[in-house]
């Protein structure tokens, strides 16, 4: 299971500016808290990048690749 302490290992994280790093960490904590135990255990972060005013977070869950737009610590789609 992914541990928030390992956030710096996510591809692209080191390229984010400080404001985006703070936003992404707050989002990731909220996102993980919103998941059920089984979903949390299957989530594997792949990458994060800043794209046109939002953060794009790519991950795998249950072996399938997905991604979300991150607009705020509690706003993603």
PDB file of N, CA and C in Angstrom:
ATOM      1  N   UNK A   1       0.843  -1.182   0.000  1.00  0.00           N
ATOM      2  CA  UNK A   1       0.000   0.000   0.000  1.00  0.00           C
ATOM      3  C   UNK A   1       0.889   1.246   0.000  1.00  0.00           C
ATOM      4  N   UNK A   2       0.482   2.262  -0.763  1.00  0.00           N
ATOM      5  CA  UNK A   2       1.245   3.503  -0.851  1.00  0.00           C
ATOM      6  C   UNK A   2       1.186   4.254   0.474  1.00  0.00           C
ATOM      7  N   UNK A   3       2.326   4.780   0.896  1.00  0.00           N
ATOM      8  CA  UNK A   3       2.417   5.566   2.114  1.00  0.00           C
ATOM      9  C   UNK A   3       2.708   7.014   1.722  1.00  0.00           C
ATOM     10  N   UNK A   4       1.992   7.960   2.290  1.00  0.00           N
ATOM     11  CA  UNK A   4       2.161   9.374   1.957  1.00  0.00           C
ATOM     12  C   UNK A   4       3.603   9.840   2.188  1.00  0.00           C
ATOM     13  N   UNK A   5       4.326   9.163   3.063  1.00  0.00           N
ATOM     14  CA  UNK A   5       5.733   9.509   3.301  1.00  0.00           C
ATOM     15  C   UNK A   5       6.580   9.296   2.049  1.00  0.00           C
ATOM     16  N   UNK A   6       6.076   8.488   1.117  1.00  0.00           N
ATOM     17  CA  UNK A   6       6.801   8.184  -0.118  1.00  0.00           C
ATOM     18  C   UNK A   6       6.422   9.106  -1.272  1.00  0.00           C
ATOM     19  N   UNK A   7       5.772  10.220  -0.987  1.00  0.00           N
ATOM     20  CA  UNK A   7       5.270  11.113  -2.028  1.00  0.00           C
ATOM     21  C   UNK A   7       6.384  11.584  -2.976  1.00  0.00           C
ATOM     22  N   UNK A   8       7.583  11.768  -2.445  1.00  0.00           N
ATOM     23  CA  UNK A   8       8.693  12.264  -3.273  1.00  0.00           C
ATOM     24  C   UNK A   8       9.148  11.251  -4.312  1.00  0.00           C
ATOM     25  N   UNK A   9       8.717  10.002  -4.196  1.00  0.00           N
ATOM     26  CA  UNK A   9       9.109   8.976  -5.163  1.00  0.00           C
ATOM     27  C   UNK A   9       8.198   8.958  -6.398  1.00  0.00           C
ATOM     28  N   UNK A  10       7.107   9.719  -6.349  1.00  0.00           N
ATOM     29  CA  UNK A  10       6.187   9.757  -7.490  1.00  0.00           C
ATOM     30  C   UNK A  10       6.833  10.548  -8.622  1.00  0.00           C
ATOM     31  N   UNK A  11       6.855   9.966  -9.796  1.00  0.00           N
ATOM     32  CA  UNK A  11       7.462  10.601 -10.967  1.00  0.00           C
ATOM     33  C   UNK A  11       6.832  11.981 -11.196  1.00  0.00           C
ATOM     34  N   UNK A  12       7.674  12.991 -11.369  1.00  0.00           N
ATOM     35  CA  UNK A  12       7.213  14.347 -11.643  1.00  0.00           C
ATOM     36  C   UNK A  12       7.054  15.215 -10.409  1.00  0.00           C
ATOM     37  N   UNK A  13       6.977  14.596  -9.235  1.00  0.00           N
ATOM     38  CA  UNK A  13       6.779  15.371  -8.003  1.00  0.00           C
ATOM     39  C   UNK A  13       7.898  16.394  -7.807  1.00  0.00           C
ATOM     40  N   UNK A  14       9.123  15.988  -8.041  1.00  0.00           N
ATOM     41  CA  UNK A  14      10.272  16.880  -7.820  1.00  0.00           C
ATOM     42  C   UNK A  14      10.268  18.075  -8.767  1.00  0.00           C
ATOM     43  N   UNK A  15       9.543  17.989  -9.881  1.00  0.00           N
ATOM     44  CA  UNK A  15       9.475  19.083 -10.851  1.00  0.00           C
ATOM     45  C   UNK A  15       8.398  20.111 -10.523  1.00  0.00           C
ATOM     46  N   UNK A  16       7.506  19.794  -9.560  1.00  0.00           N
ATOM     47  CA  UNK A  16       6.453  20.722  -9.178  1.00  0.00           C
ATOM     48  C   UNK A  16       7.038  21.879  -8.375  1.00  0.00           C
ATOM     49  N   UNK A  17       6.422  23.070  -8.500  1.00  0.00           N
ATOM     50  CA  UNK A  17       6.856  24.172  -7.646  1.00  0.00           C
ATOM     51  C   UNK A  17       6.325  23.941  -6.233  1.00  0.00           C
ATOM     52  N   UNK A  18       6.778  24.748  -5.296  1.00  0.00           N
ATOM     53  CA  UNK A  18       6.416  24.529  -3.889  1.00  0.00           C
ATOM     54  C   UNK A  18       4.908  24.589  -3.654  1.00  0.00           C
ATOM     55  N   UNK A  19       4.226  25.529  -4.297  1.00  0.00           N
ATOM     56  CA  UNK A  19       2.769  25.659  -4.141  1.00  0.00           C
ATOM     57  C   UNK A  19       2.064  24.394  -4.634  1.00  0.00           C
ATOM     58  N   UNK A  20       2.493  23.873  -5.774  1.00  0.00           N
ATOM     59  CA  UNK A  20       1.893  22.659  -6.330  1.00  0.00           C
ATOM     60  C   UNK A  20       2.188  21.439  -5.475  1.00  0.00           C
ATOM     61  N   UNK A  21       3.374  21.382  -4.875  1.00  0.00           N
ATOM     62  CA  UNK A  21       3.713  20.267  -3.976  1.00  0.00           C
ATOM     63  C   UNK A  21       2.791  20.255  -2.763  1.00  0.00           C
ATOM     64  N   UNK A  22       2.538  21.435  -2.192  1.00  0.00           N
ATOM     65  CA  UNK A  22       1.650  21.538  -1.031  1.00  0.00           C
ATOM     66  C   UNK A  22       0.237  21.110  -1.418  1.00  0.00           C
ATOM     67  N   UNK A  23      -0.246  21.600  -2.567  1.00  0.00           N
ATOM     68  CA  UNK A  23      -1.572  21.237  -3.058  1.00  0.00           C
ATOM     69  C   UNK A  23      -1.669  19.731  -3.290  1.00  0.00           C
ATOM     70  N   UNK A  24      -0.686  19.164  -3.956  1.00  0.00           N
ATOM     71  CA  UNK A  24      -0.728  17.744  -4.281  1.00  0.00           C
ATOM     72  C   UNK A  24      -0.715  16.886  -3.016  1.00  0.00           C
ATOM     73  N   UNK A  25       0.108  17.244  -2.045  1.00  0.00           N
ATOM     74  CA  UNK A  25       0.147  16.459  -0.806  1.00  0.00           C
ATOM     75  C   UNK A  25      -1.201  16.523  -0.083  1.00  0.00           C
ATOM     76  N   UNK A  26      -1.795  17.717  -0.004  1.00  0.00           N
ATOM     77  CA  UNK A  26      -3.106  17.862   0.652  1.00  0.00           C
ATOM     78  C   UNK A  26      -4.167  17.064  -0.106  1.00  0.00           C
ATOM     79  N   UNK A  27      -4.142  17.145  -1.433  1.00  0.00           N
ATOM     80  CA  UNK A  27      -5.076  16.364  -2.259  1.00  0.00           C
ATOM     81  C   UNK A  27      -4.901  14.877  -2.000  1.00  0.00           C
ATOM     82  N   UNK A  28      -3.664  14.401  -2.034  1.00  0.00           N
ATOM     83  CA  UNK A  28      -3.405  12.969  -1.922  1.00  0.00           C
ATOM     84  C   UNK A  28      -3.874  12.426  -0.569  1.00  0.00           C
ATOM     85  N   UNK A  29      -3.686  13.191   0.480  1.00  0.00           N
ATOM     86  CA  UNK A  29      -4.183  12.778   1.800  1.00  0.00           C
ATOM     87  C   UNK A  29      -5.707  12.652   1.753  1.00  0.00           C
ATOM     88  N   UNK A  30      -6.388  13.657   1.211  1.00  0.00           N
ATOM     89  CA  UNK A  30      -7.854  13.624   1.114  1.00  0.00           C
ATOM     90  C   UNK A  30      -8.333  12.508   0.195  1.00  0.00           C
ATOM     91  N   UNK A  31      -7.644  12.330  -0.924  1.00  0.00           N
ATOM     92  CA  UNK A  31      -8.015  11.302  -1.886  1.00  0.00           C
ATOM     93  C   UNK A  31      -7.901   9.909  -1.255  1.00  0.00           C
ATOM     94  N   UNK A  32      -6.796   9.666  -0.572  1.00  0.00           N
ATOM     95  CA  UNK A  32      -6.606   8.364   0.069  1.00  0.00           C
ATOM     96  C   UNK A  32      -7.648   8.147   1.169  1.00  0.00           C
ATOM     97  N   UNK A  33      -7.954   9.209   1.929  1.00  0.00           N
ATOM     98  CA  UNK A  33      -8.957   9.097   2.988  1.00  0.00           C
ATOM     99  C   UNK A  33     -10.348   8.795   2.431  1.00  0.00           C
ATOM    100  N   UNK A  34     -10.617   9.196   1.189  1.00  0.00           N
ATOM    101  CA  UNK A  34     -11.927   8.991   0.577  1.00  0.00           C
ATOM    102  C   UNK A  34     -12.092   7.584   0.009  1.00  0.00           C
ATOM    103  N   UNK A  35     -11.015   6.811  -0.024  1.00  0.00           N
ATOM    104  CA  UNK A  35     -11.050   5.471  -0.604  1.00  0.00           C
ATOM    105  C   UNK A  35     -11.334   4.426   0.467  1.00  0.00           C
ATOM    106  N   UNK A  36     -11.929   3.344   0.059  1.00  0.00           N
ATOM    107  CA  UNK A  36     -12.108   2.205   0.952  1.00  0.00           C
ATOM    108  C   UNK A  36     -10.786   1.482   1.148  1.00  0.00           C
ATOM    109  N   UNK A  37     -10.742   0.599   2.110  1.00  0.00           N
ATOM    110  CA  UNK A  37      -9.503  -0.115   2.435  1.00  0.00           C
ATOM    111  C   UNK A  37      -8.955  -0.879   1.241  1.00  0.00           C
ATOM    112  N   UNK A  38      -9.799  -1.614   0.555  1.00  0.00           N
ATOM    113  CA  UNK A  38      -9.346  -2.409  -0.593  1.00  0.00           C
ATOM    114  C   UNK A  38      -8.829  -1.513  -1.714  1.00  0.00           C
ATOM    115  N   UNK A  39      -9.531  -0.413  -1.990  1.00  0.00           N
ATOM    116  CA  UNK A  39      -9.106   0.517  -3.036  1.00  0.00           C
ATOM    117  C   UNK A  39      -7.782   1.178  -2.672  1.00  0.00           C
ATOM    118  N   UNK A  40      -7.620   1.550  -1.411  1.00  0.00           N
ATOM    119  CA  UNK A  40      -6.352   2.138  -0.951  1.00  0.00           C
ATOM    120  C   UNK A  40      -5.200   1.178  -1.172  1.00  0.00           C
ATOM    121  N   UNK A  41      -5.423  -0.071  -0.832  1.00  0.00           N
ATOM    122  CA  UNK A  41      -4.359  -1.067  -0.941  1.00  0.00           C
ATOM    123  C   UNK A  41      -3.956  -1.338  -2.379  1.00  0.00           C
ATOM    124  N   UNK A  42      -4.866  -1.130  -3.325  1.00  0.00           N
ATOM    125  CA  UNK A  42      -4.561  -1.418  -4.718  1.00  0.00           C
ATOM    126  C   UNK A  42      -4.035  -0.196  -5.481  1.00  0.00           C
ATOM    127  N   UNK A  43      -4.072   0.993  -4.870  1.00  0.00           N
ATOM    128  CA  UNK A  43      -3.660   2.218  -5.550  1.00  0.00           C
ATOM    129  C   UNK A  43      -2.142   2.307  -5.649  1.00  0.00           C
ATOM    130  N   UNK A  44      -1.654   2.507  -6.878  1.00  0.00           N
ATOM    131  CA  UNK A  44      -0.225   2.657  -7.128  1.00  0.00           C
ATOM    132  C   UNK A  44      -0.019   3.965  -7.899  1.00  0.00           C
ATOM    133  N   UNK A  45       0.501   5.016  -7.243  1.00  0.00           N
ATOM    134  CA  UNK A  45       0.759   6.279  -7.944  1.00  0.00           C
ATOM    135  C   UNK A  45       1.794   6.086  -9.051  1.00  0.00           C
ATOM    136  N   UNK A  46       1.559   6.729 -10.202  1.00  0.00           N
ATOM    137  CA  UNK A  46       2.497   6.649 -11.311  1.00  0.00           C
ATOM    138  C   UNK A  46       3.225   7.973 -11.498  1.00  0.00           C
ATOM    139  N   UNK A  47       2.447   9.063 -11.649  1.00  0.00           N
ATOM    140  CA  UNK A  47       3.086  10.353 -11.907  1.00  0.00           C
ATOM    141  C   UNK A  47       2.145  11.505 -11.584  1.00  0.00           C
ATOM    142  N   UNK A  48       2.740  12.687 -11.495  1.00  0.00           N
ATOM    143  CA  UNK A  48       1.991  13.924 -11.326  1.00  0.00           C
ATOM    144  C   UNK A  48       2.680  14.996 -12.160  1.00  0.00           C
ATOM    145  N   UNK A  49       1.870  15.856 -12.787  1.00  0.00           N
ATOM    146  CA  UNK A  49       2.441  16.967 -13.544  1.00  0.00           C
ATOM    147  C   UNK A  49       1.458  18.125 -13.585  1.00  0.00           C
ATOM    148  N   UNK A  50       2.001  19.336 -13.714  1.00  0.00           N
ATOM    149  CA  UNK A  50       1.175  20.529 -13.843  1.00  0.00           C
ATOM    150  C   UNK A  50       0.833  20.710 -15.312  1.00  0.00           C
ATOM    151  N   UNK A  51      -0.474  20.835 -15.621  1.00  0.00           N
ATOM    152  CA  UNK A  51      -0.933  20.982 -16.996  1.00  0.00           C
ATOM    153  C   UNK A  51      -2.046  22.030 -17.041  1.00  0.00           C
ATOM    154  N   UNK A  52      -1.816  23.143 -17.703  1.00  0.00           N
ATOM    155  CA  UNK A  52      -2.858  24.149 -17.963  1.00  0.00           C
ATOM    156  C   UNK A  52      -3.753  24.469 -16.762  1.00  0.00           C
ATOM    157  N   UNK A  53      -3.172  24.796 -15.630  1.00  0.00           N
ATOM    158  CA  UNK A  53      -3.955  25.239 -14.488  1.00  0.00           C
ATOM    159  C   UNK A  53      -4.436  24.158 -13.537  1.00  0.00           C
ATOM    160  N   UNK A  54      -4.034  22.936 -13.743  1.00  0.00           N
ATOM    161  CA  UNK A  54      -4.409  21.852 -12.823  1.00  0.00           C
ATOM    162  C   UNK A  54      -3.263  20.858 -12.729  1.00  0.00           C
ATOM    163  N   UNK A  55      -3.350  19.975 -11.765  1.00  0.00           N
ATOM    164  CA  UNK A  55      -2.393  18.884 -11.660  1.00  0.00           C
ATOM    165  C   UNK A  55      -3.034  17.632 -12.240  1.00  0.00           C
ATOM    166  N   UNK A  56      -2.277  16.908 -13.008  1.00  0.00           N
ATOM    167  CA  UNK A  56      -2.737  15.617 -13.531  1.00  0.00           C
ATOM    168  C   UNK A  56      -2.044  14.532 -12.720  1.00  0.00           C
ATOM    169  N   UNK A  57      -2.849  13.686 -12.094  1.00  0.00           N
ATOM    170  CA  UNK A  57      -2.337  12.597 -11.269  1.00  0.00           C
ATOM    171  C   UNK A  57      -2.684  11.276 -11.936  1.00  0.00           C
ATOM    172  N   UNK A  58      -1.673  10.556 -12.370  1.00  0.00           N
ATOM    173  CA  UNK A  58      -1.849   9.242 -12.996  1.00  0.00           C
ATOM    174  C   UNK A  58      -1.553   8.161 -11.955  1.00  0.00           C
ATOM    175  N   UNK A  59      -2.361   7.110 -11.970  1.00  0.00           N
ATOM    176  CA  UNK A  59      -2.200   6.027 -11.010  1.00  0.00           C
ATOM    177  C   UNK A  59      -2.773   4.746 -11.586  1.00  0.00           C
ATOM    178  N   UNK A  60      -2.466   3.638 -10.927  1.00  0.00           N
ATOM    179  CA  UNK A  60      -3.083   2.351 -11.247  1.00  0.00           C
ATOM    180  C   UNK A  60      -3.893   1.902 -10.046  1.00  0.00           C
ATOM    181  N   UNK A  61      -5.051   1.341 -10.331  1.00  0.00           N
ATOM    182  CA  UNK A  61      -5.884   0.743  -9.295  1.00  0.00           C
ATOM    183  C   UNK A  61      -6.431  -0.552  -9.868  1.00  0.00           C
ATOM    184  N   UNK A  62      -6.308  -1.603  -9.124  1.00  0.00           N
ATOM    185  CA  UNK A  62      -6.719  -2.942  -9.584  1.00  0.00           C
ATOM    186  C   UNK A  62      -6.079  -3.279 -10.933  1.00  0.00           C
ATOM    187  N   UNK A  63      -4.849  -2.794 -11.143  1.00  0.00           N
ATOM    188  CA  UNK A  63      -4.111  -3.084 -12.357  1.00  0.00           C
ATOM    189  C   UNK A  63      -4.491  -2.253 -13.564  1.00  0.00           C
ATOM    190  N   UNK A  64      -5.468  -1.343 -13.424  1.00  0.00           N
ATOM    191  CA  UNK A  64      -5.907  -0.498 -14.545  1.00  0.00           C
ATOM    192  C   UNK A  64      -5.407   0.927 -14.349  1.00  0.00           C
ATOM    193  N   UNK A  65      -4.876   1.514 -15.418  1.00  0.00           N
ATOM    194  CA  UNK A  65      -4.363   2.874 -15.354  1.00  0.00           C
ATOM    195  C   UNK A  65      -5.517   3.878 -15.424  1.00  0.00           C
ATOM    196  N   UNK A  66      -5.473   4.883 -14.543  1.00  0.00           N
ATOM    197  CA  UNK A  66      -6.462   5.954 -14.486  1.00  0.00           C
ATOM    198  C   UNK A  66      -5.744   7.272 -14.230  1.00  0.00           C
ATOM    199  N   UNK A  67      -6.475   8.375 -14.349  1.00  0.00           N
ATOM    200  CA  UNK A  67      -5.916   9.672 -13.970  1.00  0.00           C
ATOM    201  C   UNK A  67      -7.037  10.614 -13.578  1.00  0.00           C
ATOM    202  N   UNK A  68      -6.683  11.639 -12.804  1.00  0.00           N
ATOM    203  CA  UNK A  68      -7.643  12.642 -12.377  1.00  0.00           C
ATOM    204  C   UNK A  68      -7.043  14.037 -12.544  1.00  0.00           C
ATOM    205  N   UNK A  69      -7.931  15.016 -12.797  1.00  0.00           N
ATOM    206  CA  UNK A  69      -7.575  16.425 -12.723  1.00  0.00           C
ATOM    207  C   UNK A  69      -7.625  16.817 -11.254  1.00  0.00           C
ATOM    208  N   UNK A  70      -6.633  17.499 -10.761  1.00  0.00           N
ATOM    209  CA  UNK A  70      -6.623  17.980  -9.380  1.00  0.00           C
ATOM    210  C   UNK A  70      -6.700  19.503  -9.431  1.00  0.00           C
ATOM    211  N   UNK A  71      -7.822  20.059  -8.982  1.00  0.00           N
ATOM    212  CA  UNK A  71      -8.011  21.511  -8.990  1.00  0.00           C
ATOM    213  C   UNK A  71      -7.807  22.114  -7.598  1.00  0.00           C
ATOM    214  N   UNK A  72      -7.953  21.305  -6.561  1.00  0.00           N
ATOM    215  CA  UNK A  72      -7.796  21.759  -5.183  1.00  0.00           C
ATOM    216  C   UNK A  72      -7.625  20.555  -4.285  1.00  0.00           C
ATOM    217  N   UNK A  73      -7.363  20.815  -3.015  1.00  0.00           N
ATOM    218  CA  UNK A  73      -7.136  19.694  -2.115  1.00  0.00           C
ATOM    219  C   UNK A  73      -8.369  18.811  -1.950  1.00  0.00           C
ATOM    220  N   UNK A  74      -9.561  19.379  -2.177  1.00  0.00           N
ATOM    221  CA  UNK A  74     -10.805  18.613  -2.103  1.00  0.00           C
ATOM    222  C   UNK A  74     -11.562  18.598  -3.414  1.00  0.00           C
ATOM    223  N   UNK A  75     -10.912  19.017  -4.489  1.00  0.00           N
ATOM    224  CA  UNK A  75     -11.581  19.106  -5.780  1.00  0.00           C
ATOM    225  C   UNK A  75     -10.774  18.349  -6.842  1.00  0.00           C
ATOM    226  N   UNK A  76     -11.350  17.252  -7.281  1.00  0.00           N
ATOM    227  CA  UNK A  76     -10.723  16.468  -8.360  1.00  0.00           C
ATOM    228  C   UNK A  76     -11.836  15.803  -9.167  1.00  0.00           C
ATOM    229  N   UNK A  77     -11.505  15.510 -10.413  1.00  0.00           N
ATOM    230  CA  UNK A  77     -12.462  14.820 -11.280  1.00  0.00           C
ATOM    231  C   UNK A  77     -11.749  14.067 -12.376  1.00  0.00           C
TER     232      UNK A  77
END
